[in-house]
Amino acid sequence: MLKLFMRSKKGFTLVELMVVVIILGILVAIAIPIYNNVTGDAQKKACASNERTLEGAVAMYQAAKGGAKPGNVNDLVTEGFIEAEPTCPVDGTSSYTINPDGTVSCSSSQPH
């Protein structure tokens, strides 16, 4: 029985294993920058989506209040036009400001 196990010398050599590790390293080196770019684009699009949502809430606020503009995003929350103040997906803070013309911008320190 022991001779049956000793006869089979199939397996991977060290060189074959090193080639596999090198190929995996190359694939990871290609995938990480692509992942970072996709993540950054998704964060920018999420921020733009939050701005559009807040602009819609500002328009509803103005319609309900006879043209008066909210002072800040928290006014929209307290009046019930949005459920909660959205956070900026780039830096995780609540940094949206309402401009005098009724548009909303993210005042994050990081560029979008």
PDB file of N, CA and C in Angstrom:
ATOM      1  N   MET A   1       0.820  -1.178   0.000  1.00  0.00           N
ATOM      2  CA  MET A   1       0.000   0.000   0.000  1.00  0.00           C
ATOM      3  C   MET A   1       0.870   1.250   0.000  1.00  0.00           C
ATOM      4  N   LEU A   2       1.937   1.242   0.752  1.00  0.00           N
ATOM      5  CA  LEU A   2       2.833   2.381   0.816  1.00  0.00           C
ATOM      6  C   LEU A   2       3.470   2.644  -0.534  1.00  0.00           C
ATOM      7  N   LYS A   3       3.699   1.601  -1.309  1.00  0.00           N
ATOM      8  CA  LYS A   3       4.303   1.759  -2.632  1.00  0.00           C
ATOM      9  C   LYS A   3       3.360   2.498  -3.587  1.00  0.00           C
ATOM     10  N   LEU A   4       2.071   2.351  -3.411  1.00  0.00           N
ATOM     11  CA  LEU A   4       1.114   3.061  -4.258  1.00  0.00           C
ATOM     12  C   LEU A   4       1.244   4.572  -4.072  1.00  0.00           C
ATOM     13  N   PHE A   5       1.401   5.003  -2.824  1.00  0.00           N
ATOM     14  CA  PHE A   5       1.532   6.442  -2.557  1.00  0.00           C
ATOM     15  C   PHE A   5       2.887   6.971  -2.999  1.00  0.00           C
ATOM     16  N   MET A   6       3.900   6.185  -2.919  1.00  0.00           N
ATOM     17  CA  MET A   6       5.252   6.627  -3.272  1.00  0.00           C
ATOM     18  C   MET A   6       5.423   6.724  -4.784  1.00  0.00           C
ATOM     19  N   ARG A   7       4.688   5.946  -5.552  1.00  0.00           N
ATOM     20  CA  ARG A   7       4.834   5.958  -7.003  1.00  0.00           C
ATOM     21  C   ARG A   7       4.381   7.278  -7.610  1.00  0.00           C
ATOM     22  N   SER A   8       3.318   7.846  -7.080  1.00  0.00           N
ATOM     23  CA  SER A   8       2.750   9.066  -7.637  1.00  0.00           C
ATOM     24  C   SER A   8       3.561  10.270  -7.174  1.00  0.00           C
ATOM     25  N   LYS A   9       4.257  10.886  -8.092  1.00  0.00           N
ATOM     26  CA  LYS A   9       5.055  12.061  -7.767  1.00  0.00           C
ATOM     27  C   LYS A   9       4.503  13.268  -8.526  1.00  0.00           C
ATOM     28  N   LYS A  10       3.194  13.307  -8.651  1.00  0.00           N
ATOM     29  CA  LYS A  10       2.576  14.439  -9.327  1.00  0.00           C
ATOM     30  C   LYS A  10       2.499  15.609  -8.357  1.00  0.00           C
ATOM     31  N   GLY A  11       2.608  16.803  -8.899  1.00  0.00           N
ATOM     32  CA  GLY A  11       2.524  18.001  -8.065  1.00  0.00           C
ATOM     33  C   GLY A  11       3.108  19.179  -8.812  1.00  0.00           C
ATOM     34  N   PHE A  12       3.105  20.313  -8.158  1.00  0.00           N
ATOM     35  CA  PHE A  12       3.634  21.520  -8.765  1.00  0.00           C
ATOM     36  C   PHE A  12       5.067  21.740  -8.320  1.00  0.00           C
ATOM     37  N   THR A  13       5.862  22.220  -9.245  1.00  0.00           N
ATOM     38  CA  THR A  13       7.236  22.567  -8.886  1.00  0.00           C
ATOM     39  C   THR A  13       7.242  23.985  -8.335  1.00  0.00           C
ATOM     40  N   LEU A  14       8.329  24.356  -7.742  1.00  0.00           N
ATOM     41  CA  LEU A  14       8.474  25.692  -7.181  1.00  0.00           C
ATOM     42  C   LEU A  14       8.370  26.752  -8.280  1.00  0.00           C
ATOM     43  N   VAL A  15       8.924  26.469  -9.437  1.00  0.00           N
ATOM     44  CA  VAL A  15       8.876  27.425 -10.551  1.00  0.00           C
ATOM     45  C   VAL A  15       7.426  27.640 -10.997  1.00  0.00           C
ATOM     46  N   GLU A  16       6.657  26.582 -11.088  1.00  0.00           N
ATOM     47  CA  GLU A  16       5.258  26.713 -11.490  1.00  0.00           C
ATOM     48  C   GLU A  16       4.468  27.534 -10.477  1.00  0.00           C
ATOM     49  N   LEU A  17       4.715  27.304  -9.191  1.00  0.00           N
ATOM     50  CA  LEU A  17       4.029  28.074  -8.164  1.00  0.00           C
ATOM     51  C   LEU A  17       4.433  29.542  -8.203  1.00  0.00           C
ATOM     52  N   MET A  18       5.703  29.813  -8.469  1.00  0.00           N
ATOM     53  CA  MET A  18       6.166  31.197  -8.564  1.00  0.00           C
ATOM     54  C   MET A  18       5.534  31.906  -9.759  1.00  0.00           C
ATOM     55  N   VAL A  19       5.362  31.211 -10.877  1.00  0.00           N
ATOM     56  CA  VAL A  19       4.716  31.808 -12.047  1.00  0.00           C
ATOM     57  C   VAL A  19       3.273  32.171 -11.719  1.00  0.00           C
ATOM     58  N   VAL A  20       2.574  31.309 -11.014  1.00  0.00           N
ATOM     59  CA  VAL A  20       1.195  31.592 -10.629  1.00  0.00           C
ATOM     60  C   VAL A  20       1.139  32.806  -9.704  1.00  0.00           C
ATOM     61  N   VAL A  21       2.047  32.888  -8.740  1.00  0.00           N
ATOM     62  CA  VAL A  21       2.066  34.026  -7.819  1.00  0.00           C
ATOM     63  C   VAL A  21       2.367  35.319  -8.568  1.00  0.00           C
ATOM     64  N   ILE A  22       3.270  35.283  -9.518  1.00  0.00           N
ATOM     65  CA  ILE A  22       3.600  36.479 -10.302  1.00  0.00           C
ATOM     66  C   ILE A  22       2.393  36.912 -11.142  1.00  0.00           C
ATOM     67  N   ILE A  23       1.718  35.975 -11.760  1.00  0.00           N
ATOM     68  CA  ILE A  23       0.532  36.309 -12.561  1.00  0.00           C
ATOM     69  C   ILE A  23      -0.545  36.921 -11.675  1.00  0.00           C
ATOM     70  N   LEU A  24      -0.773  36.362 -10.506  1.00  0.00           N
ATOM     71  CA  LEU A  24      -1.755  36.934  -9.583  1.00  0.00           C
ATOM     72  C   LEU A  24      -1.353  38.344  -9.148  1.00  0.00           C
ATOM     73  N   GLY A  25      -0.073  38.554  -8.918  1.00  0.00           N
ATOM     74  CA  GLY A  25       0.410  39.889  -8.554  1.00  0.00           C
ATOM     75  C   GLY A  25       0.169  40.900  -9.652  1.00  0.00           C
ATOM     76  N   ILE A  26       0.382  40.505 -10.897  1.00  0.00           N
ATOM     77  CA  ILE A  26       0.135  41.402 -12.031  1.00  0.00           C
ATOM     78  C   ILE A  26      -1.346  41.728 -12.134  1.00  0.00           C
ATOM     79  N   LEU A  27      -2.201  40.728 -11.969  1.00  0.00           N
ATOM     80  CA  LEU A  27      -3.649  40.966 -12.035  1.00  0.00           C
ATOM     81  C   LEU A  27      -4.111  41.913 -10.927  1.00  0.00           C
ATOM     82  N   VAL A  28      -3.579  41.753  -9.739  1.00  0.00           N
ATOM     83  CA  VAL A  28      -3.938  42.636  -8.623  1.00  0.00           C
ATOM     84  C   VAL A  28      -3.437  44.052  -8.898  1.00  0.00           C
ATOM     85  N   ALA A  29      -2.233  44.168  -9.449  1.00  0.00           N
ATOM     86  CA  ALA A  29      -1.684  45.491  -9.756  1.00  0.00           C
ATOM     87  C   ALA A  29      -2.517  46.216 -10.807  1.00  0.00           C
ATOM     88  N   ILE A  30      -3.168  45.480 -11.668  1.00  0.00           N
ATOM     89  CA  ILE A  30      -4.046  46.086 -12.674  1.00  0.00           C
ATOM     90  C   ILE A  30      -5.407  46.401 -12.063  1.00  0.00           C
ATOM     91  N   ALA A  31      -5.910  45.535 -11.214  1.00  0.00           N
ATOM     92  CA  ALA A  31      -7.274  45.670 -10.692  1.00  0.00           C
ATOM     93  C   ALA A  31      -7.426  46.784  -9.666  1.00  0.00           C
ATOM     94  N   ILE A  32      -6.427  47.034  -8.836  1.00  0.00           N
ATOM     95  CA  ILE A  32      -6.570  48.019  -7.763  1.00  0.00           C
ATOM     96  C   ILE A  32      -6.792  49.433  -8.299  1.00  0.00           C
ATOM     97  N   PRO A  33      -6.006  49.921  -9.265  1.00  0.00           N
ATOM     98  CA  PRO A  33      -6.294  51.272  -9.784  1.00  0.00           C
ATOM     99  C   PRO A  33      -7.659  51.375 -10.461  1.00  0.00           C
ATOM    100  N   ILE A  34      -8.068  50.324 -11.133  1.00  0.00           N
ATOM    101  CA  ILE A  34      -9.390  50.337 -11.774  1.00  0.00           C
ATOM    102  C   ILE A  34     -10.478  50.424 -10.703  1.00  0.00           C
ATOM    103  N   TYR A  35     -10.331  49.667  -9.632  1.00  0.00           N
ATOM    104  CA  TYR A  35     -11.297  49.707  -8.530  1.00  0.00           C
ATOM    105  C   TYR A  35     -11.353  51.104  -7.912  1.00  0.00           C
ATOM    106  N   ASN A  36     -10.194  51.720  -7.700  1.00  0.00           N
ATOM    107  CA  ASN A  36     -10.162  53.056  -7.107  1.00  0.00           C
ATOM    108  C   ASN A  36     -10.851  54.078  -8.008  1.00  0.00           C
ATOM    109  N   ASN A  37     -10.658  53.979  -9.322  1.00  0.00           N
ATOM    110  CA  ASN A  37     -11.314  54.904 -10.246  1.00  0.00           C
ATOM    111  C   ASN A  37     -12.822  54.717 -10.228  1.00  0.00           C
ATOM    112  N   VAL A  38     -13.265  53.476 -10.233  1.00  0.00           N
ATOM    113  CA  VAL A  38     -14.697  53.199 -10.217  1.00  0.00           C
ATOM    114  C   VAL A  38     -15.316  53.699  -8.912  1.00  0.00           C
ATOM    115  N   THR A  39     -14.639  53.501  -7.806  1.00  0.00           N
ATOM    116  CA  THR A  39     -15.135  53.963  -6.513  1.00  0.00           C
ATOM    117  C   THR A  39     -15.227  55.482  -6.479  1.00  0.00           C
ATOM    118  N   GLY A  40     -14.209  56.157  -6.992  1.00  0.00           N
ATOM    119  CA  GLY A  40     -14.222  57.620  -7.031  1.00  0.00           C
ATOM    120  C   GLY A  40     -15.350  58.158  -7.886  1.00  0.00           C
ATOM    121  N   ASP A  41     -15.563  57.545  -9.048  1.00  0.00           N
ATOM    122  CA  ASP A  41     -16.667  57.967  -9.921  1.00  0.00           C
ATOM    123  C   ASP A  41     -18.013  57.756  -9.239  1.00  0.00           C
ATOM    124  N   ALA A  42     -18.162  56.649  -8.538  1.00  0.00           N
ATOM    125  CA  ALA A  42     -19.426  56.369  -7.842  1.00  0.00           C
ATOM    126  C   ALA A  42     -19.674  57.394  -6.738  1.00  0.00           C
ATOM    127  N   GLN A  43     -18.631  57.794  -6.038  1.00  0.00           N
ATOM    128  CA  GLN A  43     -18.788  58.793  -4.988  1.00  0.00           C
ATOM    129  C   GLN A  43     -19.199  60.141  -5.578  1.00  0.00           C
ATOM    130  N   LYS A  44     -18.603  60.515  -6.698  1.00  0.00           N
ATOM    131  CA  LYS A  44     -18.960  61.785  -7.348  1.00  0.00           C
ATOM    132  C   LYS A  44     -20.404  61.761  -7.819  1.00  0.00           C
ATOM    133  N   LYS A  45     -20.827  60.647  -8.386  1.00  0.00           N
ATOM    134  CA  LYS A  45     -22.214  60.542  -8.857  1.00  0.00           C
ATOM    135  C   LYS A  45     -23.196  60.537  -7.696  1.00  0.00           C
ATOM    136  N   ALA A  46     -22.829  59.906  -6.578  1.00  0.00           N
ATOM    137  CA  ALA A  46     -23.693  59.906  -5.400  1.00  0.00           C
ATOM    138  C   ALA A  46     -23.818  61.321  -4.840  1.00  0.00           C
ATOM    139  N   CYS A  47     -22.735  62.082  -4.853  1.00  0.00           N
ATOM    140  CA  CYS A  47     -22.773  63.459  -4.374  1.00  0.00           C
ATOM    141  C   CYS A  47     -23.674  64.303  -5.271  1.00  0.00           C
ATOM    142  N   ALA A  48     -23.553  64.132  -6.586  1.00  0.00           N
ATOM    143  CA  ALA A  48     -24.409  64.868  -7.524  1.00  0.00           C
ATOM    144  C   ALA A  48     -25.876  64.488  -7.323  1.00  0.00           C
ATOM    145  N   SER A  49     -26.138  63.225  -7.043  1.00  0.00           N
ATOM    146  CA  SER A  49     -27.507  62.776  -6.792  1.00  0.00           C
ATOM    147  C   SER A  49     -28.062  63.409  -5.519  1.00  0.00           C
ATOM    148  N   ASN A  50     -27.247  63.480  -4.467  1.00  0.00           N
ATOM    149  CA  ASN A  50     -27.675  64.142  -3.232  1.00  0.00           C
ATOM    150  C   ASN A  50     -27.998  65.611  -3.492  1.00  0.00           C
ATOM    151  N   GLU A  51     -27.157  66.279  -4.305  1.00  0.00           N
ATOM    152  CA  GLU A  51     -27.400  67.690  -4.614  1.00  0.00           C
ATOM    153  C   GLU A  51     -28.732  67.867  -5.353  1.00  0.00           C
ATOM    154  N   ARG A  52     -29.027  66.982  -6.325  1.00  0.00           N
ATOM    155  CA  ARG A  52     -30.298  67.072  -7.059  1.00  0.00           C
ATOM    156  C   ARG A  52     -31.485  66.832  -6.124  1.00  0.00           C
ATOM    157  N   THR A  53     -31.360  65.884  -5.218  1.00  0.00           N
ATOM    158  CA  THR A  53     -32.434  65.607  -4.268  1.00  0.00           C
ATOM    159  C   THR A  53     -32.683  66.817  -3.367  1.00  0.00           C
ATOM    160  N   LEU A  54     -31.592  67.405  -2.892  1.00  0.00           N
ATOM    161  CA  LEU A  54     -31.737  68.576  -2.030  1.00  0.00           C
ATOM    162  C   LEU A  54     -32.308  69.770  -2.792  1.00  0.00           C
ATOM    163  N   GLU A  55     -31.937  69.932  -4.048  1.00  0.00           N
ATOM    164  CA  GLU A  55     -32.499  71.023  -4.851  1.00  0.00           C
ATOM    165  C   GLU A  55     -34.007  70.838  -5.037  1.00  0.00           C
ATOM    166  N   GLY A  56     -34.442  69.599  -5.214  1.00  0.00           N
ATOM    167  CA  GLY A  56     -35.875  69.321  -5.289  1.00  0.00           C
ATOM    168  C   GLY A  56     -36.574  69.660  -3.986  1.00  0.00           C
ATOM    169  N   ALA A  57     -35.937  69.337  -2.866  1.00  0.00           N
ATOM    170  CA  ALA A  57     -36.521  69.648  -1.558  1.00  0.00           C
ATOM    171  C   ALA A  57     -36.565  71.162  -1.338  1.00  0.00           C
ATOM    172  N   VAL A  58     -35.544  71.880  -1.817  1.00  0.00           N
ATOM    173  CA  VAL A  58     -35.550  73.339  -1.703  1.00  0.00           C
ATOM    174  C   VAL A  58     -36.711  73.916  -2.510  1.00  0.00           C
ATOM    175  N   ALA A  59     -36.938  73.386  -3.718  1.00  0.00           N
ATOM    176  CA  ALA A  59     -38.048  73.865  -4.545  1.00  0.00           C
ATOM    177  C   ALA A  59     -39.393  73.609  -3.866  1.00  0.00           C
ATOM    178  N   MET A  60     -39.549  72.441  -3.250  1.00  0.00           N
ATOM    179  CA  MET A  60     -40.793  72.150  -2.530  1.00  0.00           C
ATOM    180  C   MET A  60     -40.947  73.077  -1.321  1.00  0.00           C
ATOM    181  N   TYR A  61     -39.852  73.346  -0.621  1.00  0.00           N
ATOM    182  CA  TYR A  61     -39.871  74.250   0.531  1.00  0.00           C
ATOM    183  C   TYR A  61     -40.329  75.638   0.088  1.00  0.00           C
ATOM    184  N   GLN A  62     -39.751  76.115  -1.018  1.00  0.00           N
ATOM    185  CA  GLN A  62     -40.109  77.441  -1.513  1.00  0.00           C
ATOM    186  C   GLN A  62     -41.583  77.497  -1.930  1.00  0.00           C
ATOM    187  N   ALA A  63     -42.075  76.444  -2.544  1.00  0.00           N
ATOM    188  CA  ALA A  63     -43.479  76.411  -2.956  1.00  0.00           C
ATOM    189  C   ALA A  63     -44.403  76.415  -1.740  1.00  0.00           C
ATOM    190  N   ALA A  64     -44.017  75.698  -0.703  1.00  0.00           N
ATOM    191  CA  ALA A  64     -44.851  75.607   0.496  1.00  0.00           C
ATOM    192  C   ALA A  64     -44.771  76.879   1.343  1.00  0.00           C
ATOM    193  N   LYS A  65     -43.651  77.562   1.307  1.00  0.00           N
ATOM    194  CA  LYS A  65     -43.430  78.725   2.171  1.00  0.00           C
ATOM    195  C   LYS A  65     -43.571  80.053   1.424  1.00  0.00           C
ATOM    196  N   GLY A  66     -44.157  80.036   0.253  1.00  0.00           N
ATOM    197  CA  GLY A  66     -44.399  81.275  -0.473  1.00  0.00           C
ATOM    198  C   GLY A  66     -43.145  81.923  -1.032  1.00  0.00           C
ATOM    199  N   GLY A  67     -42.174  81.125  -1.414  1.00  0.00           N
ATOM    200  CA  GLY A  67     -40.953  81.660  -2.024  1.00  0.00           C
ATOM    201  C   GLY A  67     -39.801  81.856  -1.063  1.00  0.00           C
ATOM    202  N   ALA A  68     -40.022  81.663   0.230  1.00  0.00           N
ATOM    203  CA  ALA A  68     -38.934  81.814   1.200  1.00  0.00           C
ATOM    204  C   ALA A  68     -37.939  80.679   1.024  1.00  0.00           C
ATOM    205  N   LYS A  69     -36.667  81.028   1.117  1.00  0.00           N
ATOM    206  CA  LYS A  69     -35.620  80.018   0.960  1.00  0.00           C
ATOM    207  C   LYS A  69     -35.186  79.499   2.326  1.00  0.00           C
ATOM    208  N   PRO A  70     -34.883  78.197   2.408  1.00  0.00           N
ATOM    209  CA  PRO A  70     -34.392  77.664   3.686  1.00  0.00           C
ATOM    210  C   PRO A  70     -32.993  78.203   3.973  1.00  0.00           C
ATOM    211  N   GLY A  71     -32.705  78.399   5.233  1.00  0.00           N
ATOM    212  CA  GLY A  71     -31.384  78.910   5.603  1.00  0.00           C
ATOM    213  C   GLY A  71     -30.289  77.882   5.451  1.00  0.00           C
ATOM    214  N   ASN A  72     -30.627  76.638   5.743  1.00  0.00           N
ATOM    215  CA  ASN A  72     -29.647  75.560   5.607  1.00  0.00           C
ATOM    216  C   ASN A  72     -30.389  74.235   5.402  1.00  0.00           C
ATOM    217  N   VAL A  73     -29.616  73.184   5.230  1.00  0.00           N
ATOM    218  CA  VAL A  73     -30.206  71.869   4.954  1.00  0.00           C
ATOM    219  C   VAL A  73     -30.997  71.367   6.158  1.00  0.00           C
ATOM    220  N   ASN A  74     -30.598  71.738   7.345  1.00  0.00           N
ATOM    221  CA  ASN A  74     -31.306  71.298   8.549  1.00  0.00           C
ATOM    222  C   ASN A  74     -32.746  71.817   8.564  1.00  0.00           C
ATOM    223  N   ASP A  75     -32.996  72.989   7.970  1.00  0.00           N
ATOM    224  CA  ASP A  75     -34.369  73.504   7.879  1.00  0.00           C
ATOM    225  C   ASP A  75     -35.252  72.558   7.073  1.00  0.00           C
ATOM    226  N   LEU A  76     -34.674  71.943   6.040  1.00  0.00           N
ATOM    227  CA  LEU A  76     -35.440  70.994   5.222  1.00  0.00           C
ATOM    228  C   LEU A  76     -35.820  69.757   6.032  1.00  0.00           C
ATOM    229  N   VAL A  77     -34.933  69.366   6.937  1.00  0.00           N
ATOM    230  CA  VAL A  77     -35.195  68.187   7.774  1.00  0.00           C
ATOM    231  C   VAL A  77     -36.267  68.514   8.805  1.00  0.00           C
ATOM    232  N   THR A  78     -36.135  69.650   9.481  1.00  0.00           N
ATOM    233  CA  THR A  78     -37.087  69.981  10.547  1.00  0.00           C
ATOM    234  C   THR A  78     -38.488  70.264  10.003  1.00  0.00           C
ATOM    235  N   GLU A  79     -38.578  70.743   8.777  1.00  0.00           N
ATOM    236  CA  GLU A  79     -39.880  71.005   8.171  1.00  0.00           C
ATOM    237  C   GLU A  79     -40.472  69.768   7.491  1.00  0.00           C
ATOM    238  N   GLY A  80     -39.700  68.678   7.421  1.00  0.00           N
ATOM    239  CA  GLY A  80     -40.207  67.419   6.876  1.00  0.00           C
ATOM    240  C   GLY A  80     -40.086  67.264   5.371  1.00  0.00           C
ATOM    241  N   PHE A  81     -39.255  68.057   4.723  1.00  0.00           N
ATOM    242  CA  PHE A  81     -39.099  67.936   3.276  1.00  0.00           C
ATOM    243  C   PHE A  81     -38.095  66.842   2.899  1.00  0.00           C
ATOM    244  N   ILE A  82     -37.208  66.502   3.802  1.00  0.00           N
ATOM    245  CA  ILE A  82     -36.323  65.338   3.651  1.00  0.00           C
ATOM    246  C   ILE A  82     -36.269  64.650   5.011  1.00  0.00           C
ATOM    247  N   GLU A  83     -35.962  63.352   4.998  1.00  0.00           N
ATOM    248  CA  GLU A  83     -35.961  62.591   6.253  1.00  0.00           C
ATOM    249  C   GLU A  83     -34.742  62.884   7.111  1.00  0.00           C
ATOM    250  N   ALA A  84     -33.579  62.973   6.477  1.00  0.00           N
ATOM    251  CA  ALA A  84     -32.354  63.211   7.225  1.00  0.00           C
ATOM    252  C   ALA A  84     -31.367  63.942   6.330  1.00  0.00           C
ATOM    253  N   GLU A  85     -30.473  64.665   6.947  1.00  0.00           N
ATOM    254  CA  GLU A  85     -29.472  65.388   6.183  1.00  0.00           C
ATOM    255  C   GLU A  85     -28.492  64.389   5.567  1.00  0.00           C
ATOM    256  N   PRO A  86     -28.329  64.420   4.247  1.00  0.00           N
ATOM    257  CA  PRO A  86     -27.432  63.451   3.616  1.00  0.00           C
ATOM    258  C   PRO A  86     -25.967  63.748   3.940  1.00  0.00           C
ATOM    259  N   THR A  87     -25.184  62.704   3.942  1.00  0.00           N
ATOM    260  CA  THR A  87     -23.751  62.879   4.162  1.00  0.00           C
ATOM    261  C   THR A  87     -23.022  62.806   2.832  1.00  0.00           C
ATOM    262  N   CYS A  88     -21.945  63.528   2.746  1.00  0.00           N
ATOM    263  CA  CYS A  88     -21.130  63.543   1.537  1.00  0.00           C
ATOM    264  C   CYS A  88     -20.429  62.190   1.408  1.00  0.00           C
ATOM    265  N   PRO A  89     -20.583  61.491   0.280  1.00  0.00           N
ATOM    266  CA  PRO A  89     -19.962  60.175   0.153  1.00  0.00           C
ATOM    267  C   PRO A  89     -18.442  60.235   0.052  1.00  0.00           C
ATOM    268  N   VAL A  90     -17.884  61.396  -0.231  1.00  0.00           N
ATOM    269  CA  VAL A  90     -16.431  61.496  -0.380  1.00  0.00           C
ATOM    270  C   VAL A  90     -15.740  61.548   0.970  1.00  0.00           C
ATOM    271  N   ASP A  91     -16.224  62.419   1.861  1.00  0.00           N
ATOM    272  CA  ASP A  91     -15.549  62.544   3.151  1.00  0.00           C
ATOM    273  C   ASP A  91     -16.420  62.157   4.352  1.00  0.00           C
ATOM    274  N   GLY A  92     -17.689  61.791   4.117  1.00  0.00           N
ATOM    275  CA  GLY A  92     -18.547  61.295   5.183  1.00  0.00           C
ATOM    276  C   GLY A  92     -19.137  62.366   6.076  1.00  0.00           C
ATOM    277  N   THR A  93     -19.004  63.643   5.725  1.00  0.00           N
ATOM    278  CA  THR A  93     -19.567  64.715   6.539  1.00  0.00           C
ATOM    279  C   THR A  93     -20.848  65.243   5.907  1.00  0.00           C
ATOM    280  N   SER A  94     -21.632  65.947   6.681  1.00  0.00           N
ATOM    281  CA  SER A  94     -22.829  66.611   6.159  1.00  0.00           C
ATOM    282  C   SER A  94     -22.411  68.018   5.756  1.00  0.00           C
ATOM    283  N   SER A  95     -21.963  68.165   4.541  1.00  0.00           N
ATOM    284  CA  SER A  95     -21.375  69.442   4.145  1.00  0.00           C
ATOM    285  C   SER A  95     -22.052  70.032   2.909  1.00  0.00           C
ATOM    286  N   TYR A  96     -23.365  69.925   2.825  1.00  0.00           N
ATOM    287  CA  TYR A  96     -24.088  70.517   1.708  1.00  0.00           C
ATOM    288  C   TYR A  96     -24.582  71.901   2.128  1.00  0.00           C
ATOM    289  N   THR A  97     -24.409  72.867   1.239  1.00  0.00           N
ATOM    290  CA  THR A  97     -24.865  74.222   1.524  1.00  0.00           C
ATOM    291  C   THR A  97     -25.867  74.648   0.461  1.00  0.00           C
ATOM    292  N   ILE A  98     -26.827  75.456   0.891  1.00  0.00           N
ATOM    293  CA  ILE A  98     -27.833  75.982  -0.022  1.00  0.00           C
ATOM    294  C   ILE A  98     -27.363  77.365  -0.473  1.00  0.00           C
ATOM    295  N   ASN A  99     -27.183  77.524  -1.767  1.00  0.00           N
ATOM    296  CA  ASN A  99     -26.727  78.790  -2.335  1.00  0.00           C
ATOM    297  C   ASN A  99     -27.893  79.771  -2.419  1.00  0.00           C
ATOM    298  N   PRO A 100     -27.609  81.068  -2.523  1.00  0.00           N
ATOM    299  CA  PRO A 100     -28.685  82.067  -2.604  1.00  0.00           C
ATOM    300  C   PRO A 100     -29.637  81.867  -3.784  1.00  0.00           C
ATOM    301  N   ASP A 101     -29.147  81.252  -4.883  1.00  0.00           N
ATOM    302  CA  ASP A 101     -30.017  81.052  -6.039  1.00  0.00           C
ATOM    303  C   ASP A 101     -30.863  79.780  -5.935  1.00  0.00           C
ATOM    304  N   GLY A 102     -30.778  79.058  -4.810  1.00  0.00           N
ATOM    305  CA  GLY A 102     -31.591  77.867  -4.608  1.00  0.00           C
ATOM    306  C   GLY A 102     -30.901  76.570  -4.996  1.00  0.00           C
ATOM    307  N   THR A 103     -29.710  76.673  -5.568  1.00  0.00           N
ATOM    308  CA  THR A 103     -28.968  75.458  -5.885  1.00  0.00           C
ATOM    309  C   THR A 103     -28.249  74.969  -4.639  1.00  0.00           C
ATOM    310  N   VAL A 104     -27.820  73.735  -4.695  1.00  0.00           N
ATOM    311  CA  VAL A 104     -27.130  73.126  -3.561  1.00  0.00           C
ATOM    312  C   VAL A 104     -25.748  72.698  -4.022  1.00  0.00           C
ATOM    313  N   SER A 105     -24.768  72.911  -3.164  1.00  0.00           N
ATOM    314  CA  SER A 105     -23.413  72.467  -3.494  1.00  0.00           C
ATOM    315  C   SER A 105     -22.800  71.775  -2.289  1.00  0.00           C
ATOM    316  N   CYS A 106     -21.886  70.885  -2.588  1.00  0.00           N
ATOM    317  CA  CYS A 106     -21.173  70.178  -1.520  1.00  0.00           C
ATOM    318  C   CYS A 106     -19.955  71.004  -1.171  1.00  0.00           C
ATOM    319  N   SER A 107     -19.834  71.344   0.075  1.00  0.00           N
ATOM    320  CA  SER A 107     -18.715  72.182   0.513  1.00  0.00           C
ATOM    321  C   SER A 107     -17.618  71.326   1.124  1.00  0.00           C
ATOM    322  N   SER A 108     -17.468  70.125   0.632  1.00  0.00           N
ATOM    323  CA  SER A 108     -16.437  69.228   1.130  1.00  0.00           C
ATOM    324  C   SER A 108     -15.063  69.784   0.830  1.00  0.00           C
ATOM    325  N   SER A 109     -14.126  69.494   1.699  1.00  0.00           N
ATOM    326  CA  SER A 109     -12.759  69.961   1.478  1.00  0.00           C
ATOM    327  C   SER A 109     -12.071  69.178   0.371  1.00  0.00           C
ATOM    328  N   GLN A 110     -12.571  67.993   0.092  1.00  0.00           N
ATOM    329  CA  GLN A 110     -11.969  67.175  -0.962  1.00  0.00           C
ATOM    330  C   GLN A 110     -12.648  67.499  -2.294  1.00  0.00           C
ATOM    331  N   PRO A 111     -11.869  67.557  -3.385  1.00  0.00           N
ATOM    332  CA  PRO A 111     -12.459  67.890  -4.691  1.00  0.00           C
ATOM    333  C   PRO A 111     -13.361  66.787  -5.186  1.00  0.00           C
ATOM    334  N   HIS A 112     -14.431  67.195  -5.871  1.00  0.00           N
ATOM    335  CA  HIS A 112     -15.363  66.233  -6.473  1.00  0.00           C
ATOM    336  C   HIS A 112     -15.160  66.212  -7.962  1.00  0.00           C
TER     337      HIS A 112
END
